[in-house]
C-alpha cells in the first residue's frame, strides 16, 4: 500500500511530482490558478484537482471527498505563494501581514485540521529569515504545539542533483516520535566532500534536438549524443513535447546573434543595447555552467540568462523543464507564457523527491 499525500498550493505539480516519485500516491491538489490546475490535472489524472483558494477549502469536506479521516493522511505538502517574501519585491513593499504571507498561516490551519503524520512545506529562501524570523518562529511554535518535531533550513537545488541554482526554504515536520532530519547534499560545485559534481546545462539538455527560433520538435532525441545518466533519467519515451522555440522579434534576434556564451546585455554594441534592464538580461548560457534560477520570465530574453548556449534562440519550455528536473513525460498545458509561469513558480521535482524520501528512512 502506498503512502498518501495531499498538495496545497500545488501549482502545476512540481512538489507533487517529486513526492510521487518518492513513492507517495497524490490524492489531491489545490490551487487558485486555473492554468496551473490544468497542467496538474493532466499529469495527475487520478488525483482530485481543486481550483480554489486554500482559504476556501473546508478540511472536513476535503477529507470526506477523499475517504480519509482526521489524523489518517500520511503527508501534507505545500508551498504557499512567495511574492510577499521574494527578494524580487522591493523591501519597502514587503508586508508582514500581506494576503500572500497570511497563506502560510492558512497552510498551518489545514495542518491542524487534517493532522497528517508528516508535513513538508517549502518557500523562497527569504521567507525563513524575513521579518525578523517571524514566520519561522510562527511555523515552528505552531507545529511543535500540536505535537510535531520540526526541522528547517535553506537549500540549493544544485546541491541535490538539479542542474539549476535555486535556493529554497524547507520545513519538515513529523508526529510519529522520530527525529526530523533534512537530507544532506549529494552534489558539490567542484565534486568534493564525497559528493558528485553539480550537473551542467549541457549535461541536462545536450541530447535535445537543435532548433531555430520559431521552430518546433515533437519526436526523437539527438542521435549523435550518447545520453549521460541525467539525460537517461529525464527520458521516458521518444516523444519530446513542449520543445518549441519561441519566435523572437527582429531586434531580439539581432541582440542574441551578437552574443557569445557567457555574454549578456553589457556586451551588446551601443546600437543594440537596451537603455536599461536586468544584469542578466540577454545572457547566453554556457555549456559548462549550472543554470541560474529559472523564473516565470523565462519566455523573454531581456529578463534573464535564458538564451541557448549554441542556438540563436531562447531555451524551450522542455529545456527549462529539464533544467528544473521535470522529466520528459511531464507535459505543460496552456499558452507558452502560462507554461513559463508554471515552471518558474514550481518546486524542482528531484529536490522534492529527496525531501519526501526523508520521511521513509
Protein backbone atom coordinates (compact mmCIF):
# COMPACT_ATOMS: atom_id res chain seq x y z
CA UNK A 1 0.00 0.00 0.00
CA UNK A 2 1.34 3.43 -0.97
CA UNK A 3 1.62 6.32 1.41
CA UNK A 4 -0.91 9.05 0.62
CA UNK A 5 -0.33 12.78 0.15
CA UNK A 6 -2.28 15.99 -0.47
CA UNK A 7 -0.68 19.06 -2.07
CA UNK A 8 -1.98 22.50 -1.08
CA UNK A 9 -0.84 25.39 -3.34
CA UNK A 10 0.07 22.65 -5.81
CA UNK A 11 0.77 24.90 -8.79
CA UNK A 12 1.48 22.81 -11.87
CA UNK A 13 2.67 19.94 -9.68
CA UNK A 14 6.42 20.21 -9.03
CA UNK A 15 6.17 19.21 -5.37
CA UNK A 16 3.58 16.54 -6.16
CA UNK A 17 5.69 15.06 -8.96
CA UNK A 18 8.69 14.67 -6.70
CA UNK A 19 6.60 13.33 -3.84
CA UNK A 20 5.00 10.82 -6.22
CA UNK A 21 8.44 9.70 -7.39
CA UNK A 22 9.35 9.13 -3.74
CA UNK A 23 6.57 6.56 -3.56
CA UNK A 24 3.51 8.52 -2.44
CA UNK A 25 0.08 8.48 -4.03
CA UNK A 26 -1.16 12.02 -4.72
CA UNK A 27 -4.78 12.19 -3.61
CA UNK A 28 -5.49 15.85 -4.36
CA UNK A 29 -4.03 19.18 -5.42
CA UNK A 30 -5.41 22.63 -4.59
CA UNK A 31 -4.52 25.85 -6.38
CA UNK A 32 -6.30 29.09 -7.26
CA UNK A 33 -4.69 29.49 -10.70
CA UNK A 34 -6.79 27.81 -13.39
CA UNK A 35 -3.95 27.26 -15.87
CA UNK A 36 -1.78 25.71 -13.13
CA UNK A 37 -4.56 23.29 -12.22
CA UNK A 38 -4.96 22.45 -15.91
CA UNK A 39 -1.37 21.16 -16.00
CA UNK A 40 -1.70 19.49 -12.59
CA UNK A 41 -4.86 17.59 -13.57
CA UNK A 42 -3.30 16.49 -16.88
CA UNK A 43 -0.28 14.97 -15.16
CA UNK A 44 -2.18 13.60 -12.14
CA UNK A 45 -5.38 12.25 -13.72
CA UNK A 46 -6.24 10.09 -10.70
CA UNK A 47 -5.97 12.95 -8.20
CA UNK A 48 -8.75 15.31 -7.18
CA UNK A 49 -7.97 18.72 -8.72
CA UNK A 50 -9.46 21.70 -6.88
CA UNK A 51 -9.29 25.18 -8.39
CA UNK A 52 -9.88 27.28 -5.28
CA UNK A 53 -8.02 29.35 -2.75
CA UNK A 54 -6.82 27.18 0.11
CA UNK A 55 -8.75 29.54 2.41
CA UNK A 56 -11.97 28.44 0.68
CA UNK A 57 -11.34 24.71 1.07
CA UNK A 58 -13.02 23.12 4.07
CA UNK A 59 -10.72 20.50 5.58
CA UNK A 60 -13.52 18.18 6.71
CA UNK A 61 -15.20 18.33 3.32
CA UNK A 62 -11.88 17.58 1.58
CA UNK A 63 -11.22 14.57 3.80
CA UNK A 64 -14.76 13.28 3.22
CA UNK A 65 -14.34 13.51 -0.56
CA UNK A 66 -11.06 11.59 -0.34
CA UNK A 67 -12.35 8.98 2.10
CA UNK A 68 -9.82 9.73 4.81
CA UNK A 69 -10.25 10.59 8.47
CA UNK A 70 -8.65 13.12 10.79
CA UNK A 71 -5.06 12.04 11.52
CA UNK A 72 -5.05 9.36 8.81
CA UNK A 73 -3.24 11.19 5.99
CA UNK A 74 0.44 10.34 5.65
CA UNK A 75 1.80 13.58 4.16
CA UNK A 76 0.55 17.11 3.65
CA UNK A 77 2.74 19.25 1.38
CA UNK A 78 2.52 22.80 0.17
CA UNK A 79 4.33 25.90 -1.00
CA UNK A 80 2.26 28.98 -0.11
CA UNK A 81 2.69 31.87 -2.61
CA UNK A 82 6.01 33.57 -2.05
CA UNK A 83 5.66 37.04 -3.55
CA UNK A 84 5.35 38.60 -0.11
CA UNK A 85 8.81 37.29 0.80
CA UNK A 86 10.59 37.31 -2.55
CA UNK A 87 13.77 39.33 -2.98
CA UNK A 88 12.33 40.38 -6.34
CA UNK A 89 9.84 42.52 -4.38
CA UNK A 90 11.43 45.73 -3.02
CA UNK A 91 11.95 45.52 0.73
CA UNK A 92 9.78 48.60 1.25
CA UNK A 93 6.87 46.77 -0.40
CA UNK A 94 7.15 43.55 1.62
CA UNK A 95 4.36 43.45 4.16
CA UNK A 96 4.30 41.15 7.17
CA UNK A 97 0.53 40.86 7.03
CA UNK A 98 0.08 40.73 3.23
CA UNK A 99 -2.55 38.33 1.91
CA UNK A 100 0.16 36.14 0.36
CA UNK A 101 2.10 35.90 3.62
CA UNK A 102 -1.08 35.08 5.54
CA UNK A 103 -1.48 31.98 3.37
CA UNK A 104 1.38 30.46 5.37
CA UNK A 105 -0.93 30.64 8.37
CA UNK A 106 -3.73 29.16 6.28
CA UNK A 107 -1.49 26.19 5.50
CA UNK A 108 -0.81 25.73 9.21
CA UNK A 109 -4.55 25.80 9.89
CA UNK A 110 -5.04 22.93 7.43
CA UNK A 111 -2.19 21.04 9.14
CA UNK A 112 -4.09 21.25 12.41
CA UNK A 113 -7.45 20.26 10.94
CA UNK A 114 -6.16 17.37 8.79
CA UNK A 115 -3.40 16.38 11.24
CA UNK A 116 -1.20 14.36 8.88
CA UNK A 117 1.61 12.14 10.11
CA UNK A 118 4.16 14.19 8.17
CA UNK A 119 4.36 17.74 6.77
CA UNK A 120 6.58 19.14 4.03
CA UNK A 121 6.46 22.88 3.38
CA UNK A 122 8.66 24.96 1.06
CA UNK A 123 9.05 28.62 0.19
CA UNK A 124 11.60 31.13 -1.07
CA UNK A 125 14.80 31.34 0.95
CA UNK A 126 13.96 34.87 2.18
CA UNK A 127 10.86 33.55 3.92
CA UNK A 128 12.90 31.73 6.56
CA UNK A 129 14.68 34.83 7.88
CA UNK A 130 12.34 37.60 6.77
CA UNK A 131 10.52 39.91 9.17
CA UNK A 132 12.98 39.08 11.99
CA UNK A 133 12.21 35.34 11.70
CA UNK A 134 8.53 35.96 12.46
CA UNK A 135 7.19 33.26 10.14
CA UNK A 136 9.85 30.71 11.01
CA UNK A 137 9.05 31.11 14.71
CA UNK A 138 5.33 31.01 13.94
CA UNK A 139 5.66 27.77 11.97
CA UNK A 140 7.93 26.01 14.45
CA UNK A 141 5.94 27.10 17.52
CA UNK A 142 2.59 26.23 15.94
CA UNK A 143 3.60 22.76 14.75
CA UNK A 144 5.52 21.97 17.93
CA UNK A 145 2.47 22.99 19.91
CA UNK A 146 0.30 20.37 18.22
CA UNK A 147 2.78 17.53 18.56
CA UNK A 148 5.26 17.74 15.69
CA UNK A 149 9.05 17.70 15.66
CA UNK A 150 10.27 20.30 13.16
CA UNK A 151 13.47 20.82 11.15
CA UNK A 152 14.07 23.65 8.71
CA UNK A 153 16.78 25.09 6.52
CA UNK A 154 17.63 26.78 3.23
CA UNK A 155 18.97 24.52 0.50
CA UNK A 156 20.22 24.94 -3.06
CA UNK A 157 18.68 22.57 -5.59
CA UNK A 158 22.05 22.31 -7.41
CA UNK A 159 23.43 20.57 -4.30
CA UNK A 160 20.84 17.81 -4.74
CA UNK A 161 21.35 16.88 -8.40
CA UNK A 162 19.18 19.52 -10.06
CA UNK A 163 21.05 21.34 -12.87
CA UNK A 164 19.89 24.71 -11.55
CA UNK A 165 20.96 27.02 -8.73
CA UNK A 166 17.76 27.66 -6.77
CA UNK A 167 17.73 28.36 -3.04
CA UNK A 168 14.56 27.32 -1.21
CA UNK A 169 13.46 27.13 2.42
CA UNK A 170 12.11 23.77 3.61
CA UNK A 171 10.23 22.84 6.77
CA UNK A 172 9.93 19.14 7.61
CA UNK A 173 7.69 18.01 10.47
CA UNK A 174 6.60 14.65 11.82
CA UNK A 175 4.49 13.47 14.76
CA UNK A 176 5.50 9.79 14.80
CA UNK A 177 8.08 10.31 17.54
CA UNK A 178 11.07 10.11 15.22
CA UNK A 179 13.52 12.97 14.83
CA UNK A 180 13.25 15.10 11.72
CA UNK A 181 16.28 15.36 9.51
CA UNK A 182 16.69 17.26 6.25
CA UNK A 183 18.76 15.17 3.80
CA UNK A 184 22.42 16.00 3.31
CA UNK A 185 23.51 17.46 -0.05
CA UNK A 186 24.54 14.92 -2.69
CA UNK A 187 26.36 17.26 -5.12
CA UNK A 188 29.05 19.93 -4.91
CA UNK A 189 30.27 22.60 -7.34
CA UNK A 190 33.72 21.04 -7.52
CA UNK A 191 32.68 17.45 -6.86
CA UNK A 192 34.44 17.27 -3.49
CA UNK A 193 33.48 16.38 0.10
CA UNK A 194 32.42 12.94 -1.08
CA UNK A 195 29.72 14.39 -3.35
CA UNK A 196 29.15 14.23 -7.09
CA UNK A 197 29.86 17.28 -9.22
CA UNK A 198 26.89 19.56 -9.89
CA UNK A 199 25.16 18.96 -13.22
CA UNK A 200 25.79 21.46 -16.01
CA UNK A 201 23.43 22.97 -18.55
CA UNK A 202 24.71 20.84 -21.42
CA UNK A 203 24.68 17.65 -19.37
CA UNK A 204 20.97 18.33 -18.87
CA UNK A 205 19.83 19.41 -22.35
CA UNK A 206 22.58 18.42 -24.79
CA UNK A 207 20.63 15.45 -26.18
CA UNK A 208 17.60 17.55 -27.16
CA UNK A 209 17.37 18.44 -30.87
CA UNK A 210 18.78 21.76 -32.08
CA UNK A 211 16.14 24.32 -33.12
CA UNK A 212 15.89 27.71 -34.74
CA UNK A 213 13.71 30.44 -33.23
CA UNK A 214 10.10 29.72 -34.18
CA UNK A 215 10.76 26.03 -34.87
CA UNK A 216 9.15 23.06 -33.06
CA UNK A 217 10.05 19.42 -32.46
CA UNK A 218 7.97 16.54 -31.16
CA UNK A 219 9.71 13.19 -31.64
CA UNK A 220 13.19 11.75 -31.27
CA UNK A 221 16.37 12.73 -29.43
CA UNK A 222 19.63 13.86 -30.99
CA UNK A 223 21.01 10.57 -32.40
CA UNK A 224 24.59 11.85 -32.28
CA UNK A 225 24.56 12.21 -28.48
CA UNK A 226 25.24 9.27 -26.18
CA UNK A 227 22.98 10.08 -23.21
CA UNK A 228 24.51 10.53 -19.77
CA UNK A 229 22.90 9.37 -16.53
CA UNK A 230 20.91 12.57 -16.01
CA UNK A 231 19.59 12.55 -19.58
CA UNK A 232 18.58 8.91 -19.21
CA UNK A 233 16.74 9.84 -16.00
CA UNK A 234 14.83 12.51 -17.93
CA UNK A 235 13.96 10.34 -20.94
CA UNK A 236 10.68 8.44 -20.75
CA UNK A 237 9.83 7.85 -24.41
CA UNK A 238 10.66 9.25 -27.85
CA UNK A 239 8.05 11.99 -27.62
CA UNK A 240 9.51 15.39 -26.78
CA UNK A 241 6.61 17.74 -26.17
CA UNK A 242 6.88 21.43 -25.18
CA UNK A 243 10.12 21.62 -27.22
CA UNK A 244 9.09 24.71 -29.17
CA UNK A 245 11.50 27.58 -29.73
CA UNK A 246 9.74 30.91 -29.23
CA UNK A 247 9.68 33.24 -32.23
CA UNK A 248 11.53 36.46 -31.42
CA UNK A 249 11.39 39.97 -32.79
CA UNK A 250 14.00 41.21 -35.26
CA UNK A 251 15.82 43.31 -32.68
CA UNK A 252 15.81 40.46 -30.15
CA UNK A 253 17.36 38.15 -32.74
CA UNK A 254 19.96 40.77 -33.64
CA UNK A 255 20.94 41.08 -29.99
CA UNK A 256 21.18 37.33 -29.42
CA UNK A 257 23.28 36.78 -32.56
CA UNK A 258 25.84 39.28 -31.24
CA UNK A 259 26.47 37.37 -28.04
CA UNK A 260 28.88 34.55 -27.30
CA UNK A 261 28.33 32.03 -24.49
CA UNK A 262 28.65 33.77 -21.13
CA UNK A 263 27.96 37.23 -22.53
CA UNK A 264 24.91 39.43 -21.89
CA UNK A 265 23.44 42.92 -22.07
CA UNK A 266 26.69 44.71 -21.19
CA UNK A 267 28.41 43.07 -24.17
CA UNK A 268 25.92 44.31 -26.76
CA UNK A 269 27.02 47.04 -29.18
CA UNK A 270 25.71 50.53 -28.44
CA UNK A 271 23.19 50.46 -31.27
CA UNK A 272 21.56 47.27 -29.90
CA UNK A 273 21.94 47.69 -26.14
CA UNK A 274 18.66 48.48 -24.33
CA UNK A 275 18.67 51.64 -22.22
CA UNK A 276 18.09 49.60 -19.08
CA UNK A 277 17.49 46.06 -17.90
CA UNK A 278 18.45 43.26 -15.53
CA UNK A 279 22.15 42.50 -15.18
CA UNK A 280 21.49 39.04 -16.63
CA UNK A 281 19.34 40.33 -19.50
CA UNK A 282 20.03 38.71 -22.86
CA UNK A 283 22.51 36.45 -21.13
CA UNK A 284 23.64 33.48 -23.17
CA UNK A 285 24.24 30.31 -21.19
CA UNK A 286 27.49 28.37 -21.36
CA UNK A 287 27.55 24.61 -21.72
CA UNK A 288 29.53 24.00 -18.54
CA UNK A 289 27.65 26.30 -16.13
CA UNK A 290 24.89 25.36 -13.71
CA UNK A 291 21.63 27.00 -14.79
CA UNK A 292 20.80 30.19 -12.84
CA UNK A 293 17.38 30.34 -11.17
CA UNK A 294 14.58 29.89 -13.70
CA UNK A 295 11.84 32.48 -13.23
CA UNK A 296 8.41 32.87 -14.73
CA UNK A 297 10.01 35.31 -17.21
CA UNK A 298 11.95 32.53 -18.94
CA UNK A 299 9.94 33.32 -22.09
CA UNK A 300 11.63 36.73 -22.50
CA UNK A 301 15.33 37.21 -23.43
CA UNK A 302 15.50 40.58 -21.66
CA UNK A 303 14.53 39.08 -18.31
CA UNK A 304 17.46 36.82 -17.53
CA UNK A 305 20.14 34.40 -18.73
CA UNK A 306 17.77 32.30 -20.79
CA UNK A 307 19.48 32.18 -24.20
CA UNK A 308 20.58 28.78 -25.52
CA UNK A 309 24.37 28.19 -25.36
CA UNK A 310 24.60 27.16 -29.04
CA UNK A 311 21.43 28.03 -30.97
CA UNK A 312 20.37 31.65 -31.57
CA UNK A 313 17.18 31.41 -29.51
CA UNK A 314 15.74 31.13 -26.03
CA UNK A 315 15.73 27.78 -24.29
CA UNK A 316 12.44 25.97 -24.85
CA UNK A 317 9.92 25.05 -22.17
CA UNK A 318 11.16 21.45 -22.43
CA UNK A 319 14.76 22.52 -21.93
CA UNK A 320 13.74 24.70 -18.97
CA UNK A 321 11.81 21.72 -17.60
CA UNK A 322 14.91 19.51 -17.93
CA UNK A 323 16.94 22.15 -16.08
CA UNK A 324 14.23 22.14 -13.40
CA UNK A 325 14.31 18.27 -13.20
CA UNK A 326 10.88 17.63 -14.72
CA UNK A 327 11.31 14.52 -16.85
CA UNK A 328 10.11 14.45 -20.45
CA UNK A 329 6.81 12.71 -19.62
CA UNK A 330 5.57 15.74 -17.65
CA UNK A 331 3.56 17.83 -20.11
CA UNK A 332 2.79 21.51 -19.59
CA UNK A 333 -0.60 22.86 -20.68
CA UNK A 334 -1.74 26.34 -21.70
CA UNK A 335 -0.03 29.12 -23.64
CA UNK A 336 3.75 29.44 -23.86
CA UNK A 337 3.70 32.29 -21.35
CA UNK A 338 1.48 30.33 -18.96
CA UNK A 339 3.80 27.33 -19.19
CA UNK A 340 6.76 29.58 -18.36
CA UNK A 341 4.90 30.88 -15.30
CA UNK A 342 4.08 27.36 -14.15
CA UNK A 343 7.73 26.35 -14.42
CA UNK A 344 9.16 29.43 -12.77
CA UNK A 345 6.87 29.13 -9.77
CA UNK A 346 7.29 25.39 -9.24
CA UNK A 347 9.50 23.29 -6.99
CA UNK A 348 12.15 21.17 -8.76
CA UNK A 349 10.69 17.64 -8.58
CA UNK A 350 14.04 15.96 -7.90
CA UNK A 351 14.57 18.19 -4.86
CA UNK A 352 11.02 17.48 -3.68
CA UNK A 353 11.63 13.73 -4.13
CA UNK A 354 14.72 13.80 -1.94
CA UNK A 355 12.95 15.81 0.77
CA UNK A 356 9.95 13.47 0.73
CA UNK A 357 12.17 10.39 0.96
CA UNK A 358 13.46 11.68 4.31
CA UNK A 359 10.16 10.54 5.88
CA UNK A 360 10.67 6.97 4.69
CA UNK A 361 14.05 6.23 6.31
